């Protein structure tokens, strides 16, 4: 049985002091994932929450036994690391300041609203030598890692994939930045990251359609394979659908999230981030990886979008 981050017990004792993490943001994702995960420990403690609206930050902080910071600088003063759960444009600006302050960064995807902003984040991480990690949630699930491990030993000539849901049609996740930029920036990082890892590095990608309704990506990989990715947050489905089918001379290899419990991702993400902070060694799912994905997103923008 999987356990939620609030109650999970690590398989082995955490050997370091908990990492003090400050959270930027008080929206639905900050509430339902970041704050809950970071407050659960034992690898991390949630030392404070800051948002543009102090009342919203106080509400999230109070639910997890911490305090709301009166300013971003106050948040930085009380933490070792900063987690971001804000729109990409806001994240890019604040992450640079946090890196300059020597704080480790737990970053959402995409790094920024555009390639230039993403580059400023990755450059700041490199210049100031801070640990960074991306919240590409699916990468922290055992099923995803098993899929990538099996794909690594095989050759593929083509792939089809999709990430579809109806969250943009209404509800608390139909936020302004998602409605403005659509599925390419919100859902695209997940599929591009997995296709780039499972098939072979992507050398070019082009997109057609409307990111706010439905966008289709065609990727060419350095091994000659071609993959497709269908993205939409504006279709009515009983649940989110994420599926990747890899084809070659051997049997097809399929990755489907329909049967997995996403609660299994959060303890892994938390522990690996804390370990990276304490050892000073980022995992490969870091700001540099985020910049690579952002370059692909930039290529994939339909010319009319």
C-alpha atoms as a PDB file:
ATOM      1  CA  UNK A   1       0.000   0.000   0.000  1.00  0.00           C
ATOM      2  CA  UNK A   2       1.357   3.433  -0.946  1.00  0.00           C
ATOM      3  CA  UNK A   3       1.612   6.088   1.724  1.00  0.00           C
ATOM      4  CA  UNK A   4       0.991   9.810   1.467  1.00  0.00           C
ATOM      5  CA  UNK A   5       3.904  12.166   2.041  1.00  0.00           C
ATOM      6  CA  UNK A   6       2.357  13.225   5.337  1.00  0.00           C
ATOM      7  CA  UNK A   7       2.673   9.746   6.839  1.00  0.00           C
ATOM      8  CA  UNK A   8       5.373   7.973   4.853  1.00  0.00           C
ATOM      9  CA  UNK A   9       8.321   6.423   6.640  1.00  0.00           C
ATOM     10  CA  UNK A  10      11.607   6.107   4.733  1.00  0.00           C
ATOM     11  CA  UNK A  11      13.037   2.652   4.242  1.00  0.00           C
ATOM     12  CA  UNK A  12      16.240   3.749   5.982  1.00  0.00           C
ATOM     13  CA  UNK A  13      16.970   6.502   8.474  1.00  0.00           C
ATOM     14  CA  UNK A  14      17.730   9.994   7.168  1.00  0.00           C
ATOM     15  CA  UNK A  15      21.387  10.601   8.116  1.00  0.00           C
ATOM     16  CA  UNK A  16      21.424  14.434   7.951  1.00  0.00           C
ATOM     17  CA  UNK A  17      19.658  17.323   9.676  1.00  0.00           C
ATOM     18  CA  UNK A  18      16.419  18.130   7.820  1.00  0.00           C
ATOM     19  CA  UNK A  19      16.729  20.674   5.028  1.00  0.00           C
ATOM     20  CA  UNK A  20      14.937  23.911   5.883  1.00  0.00           C
ATOM     21  CA  UNK A  21      12.753  24.772   2.886  1.00  0.00           C
ATOM     22  CA  UNK A  22      10.822  27.973   2.288  1.00  0.00           C
ATOM     23  CA  UNK A  23       7.844  27.797  -0.080  1.00  0.00           C
ATOM     24  CA  UNK A  24       6.973  30.499  -2.605  1.00  0.00           C
ATOM     25  CA  UNK A  25       3.310  30.377  -3.583  1.00  0.00           C
ATOM     26  CA  UNK A  26      -0.046  29.693  -1.954  1.00  0.00           C
ATOM     27  CA  UNK A  27      -2.154  28.432  -4.845  1.00  0.00           C
ATOM     28  CA  UNK A  28      -3.696  24.969  -5.304  1.00  0.00           C
ATOM     29  CA  UNK A  29      -0.429  23.235  -6.292  1.00  0.00           C
ATOM     30  CA  UNK A  30       1.456  24.847  -3.410  1.00  0.00           C
ATOM     31  CA  UNK A  31      -1.267  23.686  -1.047  1.00  0.00           C
ATOM     32  CA  UNK A  32      -1.941  20.182  -2.273  1.00  0.00           C
ATOM     33  CA  UNK A  33       1.597  19.090  -3.123  1.00  0.00           C
ATOM     34  CA  UNK A  34       4.508  21.314  -2.123  1.00  0.00           C
ATOM     35  CA  UNK A  35       3.489  22.296   1.408  1.00  0.00           C
ATOM     36  CA  UNK A  36       2.171  18.856   2.249  1.00  0.00           C
ATOM     37  CA  UNK A  37       5.264  17.101   0.923  1.00  0.00           C
ATOM     38  CA  UNK A  38       7.842  19.391   2.500  1.00  0.00           C
ATOM     39  CA  UNK A  39       6.143  19.519   5.901  1.00  0.00           C
ATOM     40  CA  UNK A  40       5.989  15.731   6.142  1.00  0.00           C
ATOM     41  CA  UNK A  41       9.747  15.161   6.512  1.00  0.00           C
ATOM     42  CA  UNK A  42      11.866  13.684   7.885  1.00  0.00           C
ATOM     43  CA  UNK A  43      14.258  14.915   5.195  1.00  0.00           C
ATOM     44  CA  UNK A  44      12.788  18.427   5.066  1.00  0.00           C
ATOM     45  CA  UNK A  45      11.013  20.937   7.263  1.00  0.00           C
ATOM     46  CA  UNK A  46       8.748  23.686   5.943  1.00  0.00           C
ATOM     47  CA  UNK A  47      10.150  26.848   7.522  1.00  0.00           C
ATOM     48  CA  UNK A  48       7.820  29.401   5.971  1.00  0.00           C
ATOM     49  CA  UNK A  49       5.502  30.366   3.118  1.00  0.00           C
ATOM     50  CA  UNK A  50       5.580  33.567   1.102  1.00  0.00           C
ATOM     51  CA  UNK A  51       3.084  34.752  -1.504  1.00  0.00           C
ATOM     52  CA  UNK A  52       2.010  38.097  -2.922  1.00  0.00           C
ATOM     53  CA  UNK A  53      -1.099  37.908  -0.737  1.00  0.00           C
ATOM     54  CA  UNK A  54      -0.041  37.520   2.879  1.00  0.00           C
ATOM     55  CA  UNK A  55      -3.458  36.138   3.862  1.00  0.00           C
ATOM     56  CA  UNK A  56      -3.150  33.285   1.369  1.00  0.00           C
ATOM     57  CA  UNK A  57       0.365  32.473   2.559  1.00  0.00           C
ATOM     58  CA  UNK A  58      -0.811  32.499   6.178  1.00  0.00           C
ATOM     59  CA  UNK A  59      -3.606  30.078   5.375  1.00  0.00           C
ATOM     60  CA  UNK A  60      -1.245  27.553   3.799  1.00  0.00           C
ATOM     61  CA  UNK A  61       1.383  28.047   6.510  1.00  0.00           C
ATOM     62  CA  UNK A  62      -1.147  27.576   9.290  1.00  0.00           C
ATOM     63  CA  UNK A  63      -2.347  24.293   7.842  1.00  0.00           C
ATOM     64  CA  UNK A  64       1.178  22.870   8.112  1.00  0.00           C
ATOM     65  CA  UNK A  65       2.380  24.345  11.384  1.00  0.00           C
ATOM     66  CA  UNK A  66       4.650  27.048  10.024  1.00  0.00           C
ATOM     67  CA  UNK A  67       4.526  30.807   9.504  1.00  0.00           C
ATOM     68  CA  UNK A  68       3.925  33.198   6.633  1.00  0.00           C
ATOM     69  CA  UNK A  69       6.891  35.399   5.699  1.00  0.00           C
ATOM     70  CA  UNK A  70       6.301  39.105   5.333  1.00  0.00           C
ATOM     71  CA  UNK A  71       8.647  39.356   2.349  1.00  0.00           C
ATOM     72  CA  UNK A  72      10.645  37.181  -0.015  1.00  0.00           C
ATOM     73  CA  UNK A  73      13.837  38.344   1.701  1.00  0.00           C
ATOM     74  CA  UNK A  74      12.453  37.217   5.057  1.00  0.00           C
ATOM     75  CA  UNK A  75      11.698  33.810   3.593  1.00  0.00           C
ATOM     76  CA  UNK A  76      15.273  33.522   2.269  1.00  0.00           C
ATOM     77  CA  UNK A  77      16.731  34.445   5.649  1.00  0.00           C
ATOM     78  CA  UNK A  78      15.119  31.436   7.317  1.00  0.00           C
ATOM     79  CA  UNK A  79      15.813  28.596   4.888  1.00  0.00           C
ATOM     80  CA  UNK A  80      18.460  26.477   3.173  1.00  0.00           C
ATOM     81  CA  UNK A  81      16.384  25.923   0.041  1.00  0.00           C
ATOM     82  CA  UNK A  82      13.434  27.472  -1.766  1.00  0.00           C
ATOM     83  CA  UNK A  83      10.578  25.595  -3.423  1.00  0.00           C
ATOM     84  CA  UNK A  84       8.554  27.380  -6.090  1.00  0.00           C
ATOM     85  CA  UNK A  85       4.862  26.849  -6.833  1.00  0.00           C
ATOM     86  CA  UNK A  86       4.111  29.966  -8.862  1.00  0.00           C
ATOM     87  CA  UNK A  87       3.625  30.809 -12.568  1.00  0.00           C
ATOM     88  CA  UNK A  88       6.758  30.402 -14.726  1.00  0.00           C
ATOM     89  CA  UNK A  89       7.349  34.136 -15.199  1.00  0.00           C
ATOM     90  CA  UNK A  90       7.280  34.720 -11.451  1.00  0.00           C
ATOM     91  CA  UNK A  91       9.478  31.702 -10.750  1.00  0.00           C
ATOM     92  CA  UNK A  92      12.175  32.799 -13.209  1.00  0.00           C
ATOM     93  CA  UNK A  93      12.563  36.208 -11.601  1.00  0.00           C
ATOM     94  CA  UNK A  94      12.584  35.040  -7.973  1.00  0.00           C
ATOM     95  CA  UNK A  95      14.726  31.941  -8.593  1.00  0.00           C
ATOM     96  CA  UNK A  96      17.595  34.110  -9.825  1.00  0.00           C
ATOM     97  CA  UNK A  97      17.499  36.105  -6.570  1.00  0.00           C
ATOM     98  CA  UNK A  98      17.381  32.921  -4.503  1.00  0.00           C
ATOM     99  CA  UNK A  99      20.366  31.475  -6.373  1.00  0.00           C
ATOM    100  CA  UNK A 100      22.332  34.672  -5.755  1.00  0.00           C
ATOM    101  CA  UNK A 101      21.537  34.234  -2.055  1.00  0.00           C
ATOM    102  CA  UNK A 102      23.071  30.738  -2.198  1.00  0.00           C
ATOM    103  CA  UNK A 103      19.814  28.847  -1.772  1.00  0.00           C
ATOM    104  CA  UNK A 104      19.114  25.460  -3.315  1.00  0.00           C
ATOM    105  CA  UNK A 105      16.147  25.532  -5.708  1.00  0.00           C
ATOM    106  CA  UNK A 106      13.195  23.153  -6.116  1.00  0.00           C
ATOM    107  CA  UNK A 107      11.800  24.376  -9.418  1.00  0.00           C
ATOM    108  CA  UNK A 108       8.555  23.812 -11.266  1.00  0.00           C
ATOM    109  CA  UNK A 109       8.417  23.201 -14.970  1.00  0.00           C
ATOM    110  CA  UNK A 110       8.804  25.069 -17.207  1.00  0.00           C
ATOM    111  CA  UNK A 111      11.696  27.110 -15.828  1.00  0.00           C
ATOM    112  CA  UNK A 112      10.278  30.305 -17.312  1.00  0.00           C
ATOM    113  CA  UNK A 113       7.580  31.643 -19.589  1.00  0.00           C
ATOM    114  CA  UNK A 114      10.072  31.762 -22.472  1.00  0.00           C
ATOM    115  CA  UNK A 115      13.550  30.603 -23.399  1.00  0.00           C
ATOM    116  CA  UNK A 116      15.306  33.806 -22.357  1.00  0.00           C
ATOM    117  CA  UNK A 117      13.830  33.637 -18.858  1.00  0.00           C
ATOM    118  CA  UNK A 118      14.713  29.964 -18.526  1.00  0.00           C
ATOM    119  CA  UNK A 119      18.283  30.710 -19.531  1.00  0.00           C
ATOM    120  CA  UNK A 120      18.612  33.329 -16.775  1.00  0.00           C
ATOM    121  CA  UNK A 121      17.603  30.705 -14.187  1.00  0.00           C
ATOM    122  CA  UNK A 122      19.984  28.034 -15.485  1.00  0.00           C
ATOM    123  CA  UNK A 123      22.807  30.592 -15.762  1.00  0.00           C
ATOM    124  CA  UNK A 124      22.242  31.778 -12.183  1.00  0.00           C
ATOM    125  CA  UNK A 125      22.295  28.196 -10.896  1.00  0.00           C
ATOM    126  CA  UNK A 126      25.578  27.534 -12.696  1.00  0.00           C
ATOM    127  CA  UNK A 127      27.174  30.859 -11.736  1.00  0.00           C
ATOM    128  CA  UNK A 128      26.384  30.563  -8.028  1.00  0.00           C
ATOM    129  CA  UNK A 129      26.915  26.800  -7.778  1.00  0.00           C
ATOM    130  CA  UNK A 130      23.602  26.017  -6.086  1.00  0.00           C
ATOM    131  CA  UNK A 131      21.751  22.708  -6.147  1.00  0.00           C
ATOM    132  CA  UNK A 132      18.638  22.635  -8.333  1.00  0.00           C
ATOM    133  CA  UNK A 133      15.942  20.076  -8.989  1.00  0.00           C
ATOM    134  CA  UNK A 134      12.869  20.032 -11.242  1.00  0.00           C
ATOM    135  CA  UNK A 135       9.427  18.894 -10.122  1.00  0.00           C
ATOM    136  CA  UNK A 136       8.861  16.655 -13.145  1.00  0.00           C
ATOM    137  CA  UNK A 137       6.595  14.533 -10.986  1.00  0.00           C
ATOM    138  CA  UNK A 138       6.367  11.433 -13.147  1.00  0.00           C
ATOM    139  CA  UNK A 139      10.148  11.029 -13.096  1.00  0.00           C
ATOM    140  CA  UNK A 140      10.003  10.136  -9.392  1.00  0.00           C
ATOM    141  CA  UNK A 141       7.611   7.205  -9.743  1.00  0.00           C
ATOM    142  CA  UNK A 142       9.044   3.655  -9.754  1.00  0.00           C
ATOM    143  CA  UNK A 143       6.935   2.750 -12.803  1.00  0.00           C
ATOM    144  CA  UNK A 144       8.462   5.587 -14.816  1.00  0.00           C
ATOM    145  CA  UNK A 145      11.960   4.586 -13.808  1.00  0.00           C
ATOM    146  CA  UNK A 146      11.297   0.971 -14.742  1.00  0.00           C
ATOM    147  CA  UNK A 147       9.997   2.106 -18.146  1.00  0.00           C
ATOM    148  CA  UNK A 148      13.070   4.259 -18.803  1.00  0.00           C
ATOM    149  CA  UNK A 149      15.420   1.501 -17.673  1.00  0.00           C
ATOM    150  CA  UNK A 150      13.829  -0.987 -20.072  1.00  0.00           C
ATOM    151  CA  UNK A 151      13.825   1.540 -22.916  1.00  0.00           C
ATOM    152  CA  UNK A 152      17.532   2.208 -22.396  1.00  0.00           C
ATOM    153  CA  UNK A 153      18.425  -1.282 -23.570  1.00  0.00           C
ATOM    154  CA  UNK A 154      16.380  -1.208 -26.763  1.00  0.00           C
ATOM    155  CA  UNK A 155      16.234   0.504 -30.157  1.00  0.00           C
ATOM    156  CA  UNK A 156      13.063   2.229 -31.343  1.00  0.00           C
ATOM    157  CA  UNK A 157      12.100   3.668 -34.703  1.00  0.00           C
ATOM    158  CA  UNK A 158       8.932   5.496 -33.716  1.00  0.00           C
ATOM    159  CA  UNK A 159       6.752   6.540 -30.812  1.00  0.00           C
ATOM    160  CA  UNK A 160       3.282   7.862 -30.092  1.00  0.00           C
ATOM    161  CA  UNK A 161       2.338   9.626 -26.879  1.00  0.00           C
ATOM    162  CA  UNK A 162      -0.331  11.776 -25.295  1.00  0.00           C
ATOM    163  CA  UNK A 163      -0.986  13.810 -22.186  1.00  0.00           C
ATOM    164  CA  UNK A 164      -4.641  14.808 -22.042  1.00  0.00           C
ATOM    165  CA  UNK A 165      -7.021  16.100 -19.384  1.00  0.00           C
ATOM    166  CA  UNK A 166      -9.800  18.616 -18.840  1.00  0.00           C
ATOM    167  CA  UNK A 167      -8.389  20.756 -16.034  1.00  0.00           C
ATOM    168  CA  UNK A 168      -8.361  23.889 -18.204  1.00  0.00           C
ATOM    169  CA  UNK A 169     -12.144  23.634 -18.642  1.00  0.00           C
ATOM    170  CA  UNK A 170     -12.713  24.848 -15.089  1.00  0.00           C
ATOM    171  CA  UNK A 171     -11.763  24.392 -11.456  1.00  0.00           C
ATOM    172  CA  UNK A 172      -8.872  25.583  -9.329  1.00  0.00           C
ATOM    173  CA  UNK A 173      -6.164  24.395 -11.733  1.00  0.00           C
ATOM    174  CA  UNK A 174      -7.574  26.495 -14.592  1.00  0.00           C
ATOM    175  CA  UNK A 175      -5.160  29.236 -13.568  1.00  0.00           C
ATOM    176  CA  UNK A 176      -4.451  32.304 -15.679  1.00  0.00           C
ATOM    177  CA  UNK A 177      -0.979  31.266 -16.870  1.00  0.00           C
ATOM    178  CA  UNK A 178      -2.250  27.825 -17.940  1.00  0.00           C
ATOM    179  CA  UNK A 179      -5.163  29.343 -19.841  1.00  0.00           C
ATOM    180  CA  UNK A 180      -2.821  31.845 -21.494  1.00  0.00           C
ATOM    181  CA  UNK A 181      -0.037  29.458 -22.535  1.00  0.00           C
ATOM    182  CA  UNK A 182      -2.004  26.213 -22.778  1.00  0.00           C
ATOM    183  CA  UNK A 183      -0.856  22.626 -22.787  1.00  0.00           C
ATOM    184  CA  UNK A 184       2.518  23.160 -24.478  1.00  0.00           C
ATOM    185  CA  UNK A 185       4.142  24.832 -21.473  1.00  0.00           C
ATOM    186  CA  UNK A 186       2.167  22.973 -18.816  1.00  0.00           C
ATOM    187  CA  UNK A 187       2.040  19.390 -20.131  1.00  0.00           C
ATOM    188  CA  UNK A 188       4.697  19.464 -22.857  1.00  0.00           C
ATOM    189  CA  UNK A 189       7.692  19.311 -20.483  1.00  0.00           C
ATOM    190  CA  UNK A 190       6.581  15.904 -19.198  1.00  0.00           C
ATOM    191  CA  UNK A 191       6.263  14.216 -22.595  1.00  0.00           C
ATOM    192  CA  UNK A 192       9.285  15.899 -24.163  1.00  0.00           C
ATOM    193  CA  UNK A 193      11.418  14.899 -21.179  1.00  0.00           C
ATOM    194  CA  UNK A 194      10.263  11.264 -21.354  1.00  0.00           C
ATOM    195  CA  UNK A 195      10.542  10.939 -25.139  1.00  0.00           C
ATOM    196  CA  UNK A 196      13.984  12.558 -25.081  1.00  0.00           C
ATOM    197  CA  UNK A 197      15.056  10.064 -22.397  1.00  0.00           C
ATOM    198  CA  UNK A 198      13.350   6.903 -23.659  1.00  0.00           C
ATOM    199  CA  UNK A 199      13.856   7.065 -27.444  1.00  0.00           C
ATOM    200  CA  UNK A 200      17.020   9.165 -27.966  1.00  0.00           C
ATOM    201  CA  UNK A 201      17.854  12.862 -27.593  1.00  0.00           C
ATOM    202  CA  UNK A 202      15.460  15.038 -29.608  1.00  0.00           C
ATOM    203  CA  UNK A 203      17.235  17.091 -32.280  1.00  0.00           C
ATOM    204  CA  UNK A 204      14.201  18.967 -33.619  1.00  0.00           C
ATOM    205  CA  UNK A 205      10.539  19.406 -32.788  1.00  0.00           C
ATOM    206  CA  UNK A 206       7.701  21.205 -34.507  1.00  0.00           C
ATOM    207  CA  UNK A 207       4.175  21.853 -33.320  1.00  0.00           C
ATOM    208  CA  UNK A 208       0.824  22.362 -35.009  1.00  0.00           C
ATOM    209  CA  UNK A 209      -2.502  23.386 -33.555  1.00  0.00           C
ATOM    210  CA  UNK A 210      -3.530  25.682 -30.726  1.00  0.00           C
ATOM    211  CA  UNK A 211      -1.799  25.132 -27.351  1.00  0.00           C
ATOM    212  CA  UNK A 212      -4.974  26.365 -25.628  1.00  0.00           C
ATOM    213  CA  UNK A 213      -7.087  23.649 -27.285  1.00  0.00           C
ATOM    214  CA  UNK A 214      -4.988  20.826 -28.791  1.00  0.00           C
ATOM    215  CA  UNK A 215      -1.394  20.783 -29.985  1.00  0.00           C
ATOM    216  CA  UNK A 216       0.429  18.039 -31.850  1.00  0.00           C
ATOM    217  CA  UNK A 217       4.219  17.739 -31.674  1.00  0.00           C
ATOM    218  CA  UNK A 218       6.469  15.871 -34.111  1.00  0.00           C
ATOM    219  CA  UNK A 219       9.941  15.119 -32.766  1.00  0.00           C
ATOM    220  CA  UNK A 220      12.985  13.893 -34.673  1.00  0.00           C
ATOM    221  CA  UNK A 221      15.565  12.055 -32.564  1.00  0.00           C
ATOM    222  CA  UNK A 222      19.305  11.776 -33.115  1.00  0.00           C
ATOM    223  CA  UNK A 223      18.977   8.020 -33.842  1.00  0.00           C
ATOM    224  CA  UNK A 224      16.567   8.731 -36.715  1.00  0.00           C
ATOM    225  CA  UNK A 225      13.414   7.829 -34.813  1.00  0.00           C
ATOM    226  CA  UNK A 226      10.309   9.995 -35.069  1.00  0.00           C
ATOM    227  CA  UNK A 227       7.839  10.493 -32.239  1.00  0.00           C
ATOM    228  CA  UNK A 228       4.457  12.178 -31.866  1.00  0.00           C
ATOM    229  CA  UNK A 229       3.022  13.866 -28.789  1.00  0.00           C
ATOM    230  CA  UNK A 230      -0.601  14.980 -28.418  1.00  0.00           C
ATOM    231  CA  UNK A 231      -1.286  17.565 -25.710  1.00  0.00           C
ATOM    232  CA  UNK A 232      -4.493  19.091 -24.419  1.00  0.00           C
ATOM    233  CA  UNK A 233      -5.881  20.335 -21.133  1.00  0.00           C
ATOM    234  CA  UNK A 234      -9.240  21.187 -22.659  1.00  0.00           C
ATOM    235  CA  UNK A 235     -10.859  17.816 -23.390  1.00  0.00           C
ATOM    236  CA  UNK A 236     -13.455  16.131 -21.215  1.00  0.00           C
ATOM    237  CA  UNK A 237     -12.099  12.842 -19.854  1.00  0.00           C
ATOM    238  CA  UNK A 238     -12.893  10.826 -16.709  1.00  0.00           C
ATOM    239  CA  UNK A 239      -9.264  11.262 -15.634  1.00  0.00           C
ATOM    240  CA  UNK A 240      -5.914  12.484 -16.915  1.00  0.00           C
ATOM    241  CA  UNK A 241      -4.449  10.266 -19.629  1.00  0.00           C
ATOM    242  CA  UNK A 242      -0.690   9.929 -20.062  1.00  0.00           C
ATOM    243  CA  UNK A 243       0.505   7.193 -22.379  1.00  0.00           C
ATOM    244  CA  UNK A 244       3.663   6.516 -24.386  1.00  0.00           C
ATOM    245  CA  UNK A 245       3.997   3.710 -26.963  1.00  0.00           C
ATOM    246  CA  UNK A 246       7.451   2.875 -28.308  1.00  0.00           C
ATOM    247  CA  UNK A 247       7.827   0.811 -31.509  1.00  0.00           C
ATOM    248  CA  UNK A 248      10.763  -0.940 -33.134  1.00  0.00           C
ATOM    249  CA  UNK A 249      11.870  -4.321 -34.440  1.00  0.00           C
ATOM    250  CA  UNK A 250      11.053  -5.908 -31.087  1.00  0.00           C
ATOM    251  CA  UNK A 251       7.917  -5.857 -28.982  1.00  0.00           C
ATOM    252  CA  UNK A 252       6.286  -2.530 -28.341  1.00  0.00           C
ATOM    253  CA  UNK A 253       6.979  -0.919 -24.974  1.00  0.00           C
ATOM    254  CA  UNK A 254       4.082   0.916 -23.331  1.00  0.00           C
ATOM    255  CA  UNK A 255       4.056   3.378 -20.434  1.00  0.00           C
ATOM    256  CA  UNK A 256       0.638   4.291 -19.069  1.00  0.00           C
ATOM    257  CA  UNK A 257      -0.047   6.200 -15.853  1.00  0.00           C
ATOM    258  CA  UNK A 258      -3.663   5.023 -15.562  1.00  0.00           C
ATOM    259  CA  UNK A 259      -2.808   2.421 -12.947  1.00  0.00           C
ATOM    260  CA  UNK A 260      -0.177   4.233 -10.897  1.00  0.00           C
ATOM    261  CA  UNK A 261      -0.571   6.048  -7.597  1.00  0.00           C
ATOM    262  CA  UNK A 262       1.026   9.490  -7.855  1.00  0.00           C
ATOM    263  CA  UNK A 263       1.358   9.645  -4.082  1.00  0.00           C
ATOM    264  CA  UNK A 264       4.376   7.367  -4.513  1.00  0.00           C
ATOM    265  CA  UNK A 265       6.246  10.194  -6.272  1.00  0.00           C
ATOM    266  CA  UNK A 266       6.372  12.693  -3.424  1.00  0.00           C
ATOM    267  CA  UNK A 267       8.516  10.851  -0.834  1.00  0.00           C
ATOM    268  CA  UNK A 268      11.040  10.009  -3.563  1.00  0.00           C
ATOM    269  CA  UNK A 269      11.150  13.605  -4.811  1.00  0.00           C
ATOM    270  CA  UNK A 270      11.536  14.989  -1.293  1.00  0.00           C
ATOM    271  CA  UNK A 271      14.308  12.597  -0.312  1.00  0.00           C
ATOM    272  CA  UNK A 272      16.289  13.051  -3.520  1.00  0.00           C
ATOM    273  CA  UNK A 273      16.084  16.834  -3.274  1.00  0.00           C
ATOM    274  CA  UNK A 274      17.175  16.801   0.366  1.00  0.00           C
ATOM    275  CA  UNK A 275      20.015  14.421  -0.445  1.00  0.00           C
ATOM    276  CA  UNK A 276      21.159  16.681  -3.290  1.00  0.00           C
ATOM    277  CA  UNK A 277      21.143  19.692  -0.959  1.00  0.00           C
ATOM    278  CA  UNK A 278      23.062  17.919   1.812  1.00  0.00           C
ATOM    279  CA  UNK A 279      25.661  16.381  -0.538  1.00  0.00           C
ATOM    280  CA  UNK A 280      25.907  19.398  -2.858  1.00  0.00           C
ATOM    281  CA  UNK A 281      25.272  17.213  -5.922  1.00  0.00           C
ATOM    282  CA  UNK A 282      22.233  17.865  -8.126  1.00  0.00           C
ATOM    283  CA  UNK A 283      20.517  14.957  -9.823  1.00  0.00           C
ATOM    284  CA  UNK A 284      20.234  14.970 -13.595  1.00  0.00           C
ATOM    285  CA  UNK A 285      16.694  16.364 -13.264  1.00  0.00           C
ATOM    286  CA  UNK A 286      17.966  19.896 -12.657  1.00  0.00           C
ATOM    287  CA  UNK A 287      17.950  23.415 -14.077  1.00  0.00           C
ATOM    288  CA  UNK A 288      20.239  22.405 -16.944  1.00  0.00           C
ATOM    289  CA  UNK A 289      17.716  19.710 -17.865  1.00  0.00           C
ATOM    290  CA  UNK A 290      14.963  22.299 -17.572  1.00  0.00           C
ATOM    291  CA  UNK A 291      16.791  24.585 -19.995  1.00  0.00           C
ATOM    292  CA  UNK A 292      17.125  21.773 -22.526  1.00  0.00           C
ATOM    293  CA  UNK A 293      13.388  21.096 -22.289  1.00  0.00           C
ATOM    294  CA  UNK A 294      12.646  24.807 -22.645  1.00  0.00           C
ATOM    295  CA  UNK A 295      14.686  24.934 -25.864  1.00  0.00           C
ATOM    296  CA  UNK A 296      12.490  22.146 -27.226  1.00  0.00           C
ATOM    297  CA  UNK A 297       9.339  23.969 -26.098  1.00  0.00           C
ATOM    298  CA  UNK A 298      10.564  27.076 -27.884  1.00  0.00           C
ATOM    299  CA  UNK A 299      11.069  25.125 -31.114  1.00  0.00           C
ATOM    300  CA  UNK A 300       7.638  23.546 -30.760  1.00  0.00           C
ATOM    301  CA  UNK A 301       5.655  26.809 -30.589  1.00  0.00           C
ATOM    302  CA  UNK A 302       3.321  26.940 -33.607  1.00  0.00           C
ATOM    303  CA  UNK A 303       4.146  30.012 -35.688  1.00  0.00           C
ATOM    304  CA  UNK A 304       0.600  31.325 -35.375  1.00  0.00           C
ATOM    305  CA  UNK A 305       0.432  30.876 -31.585  1.00  0.00           C
END
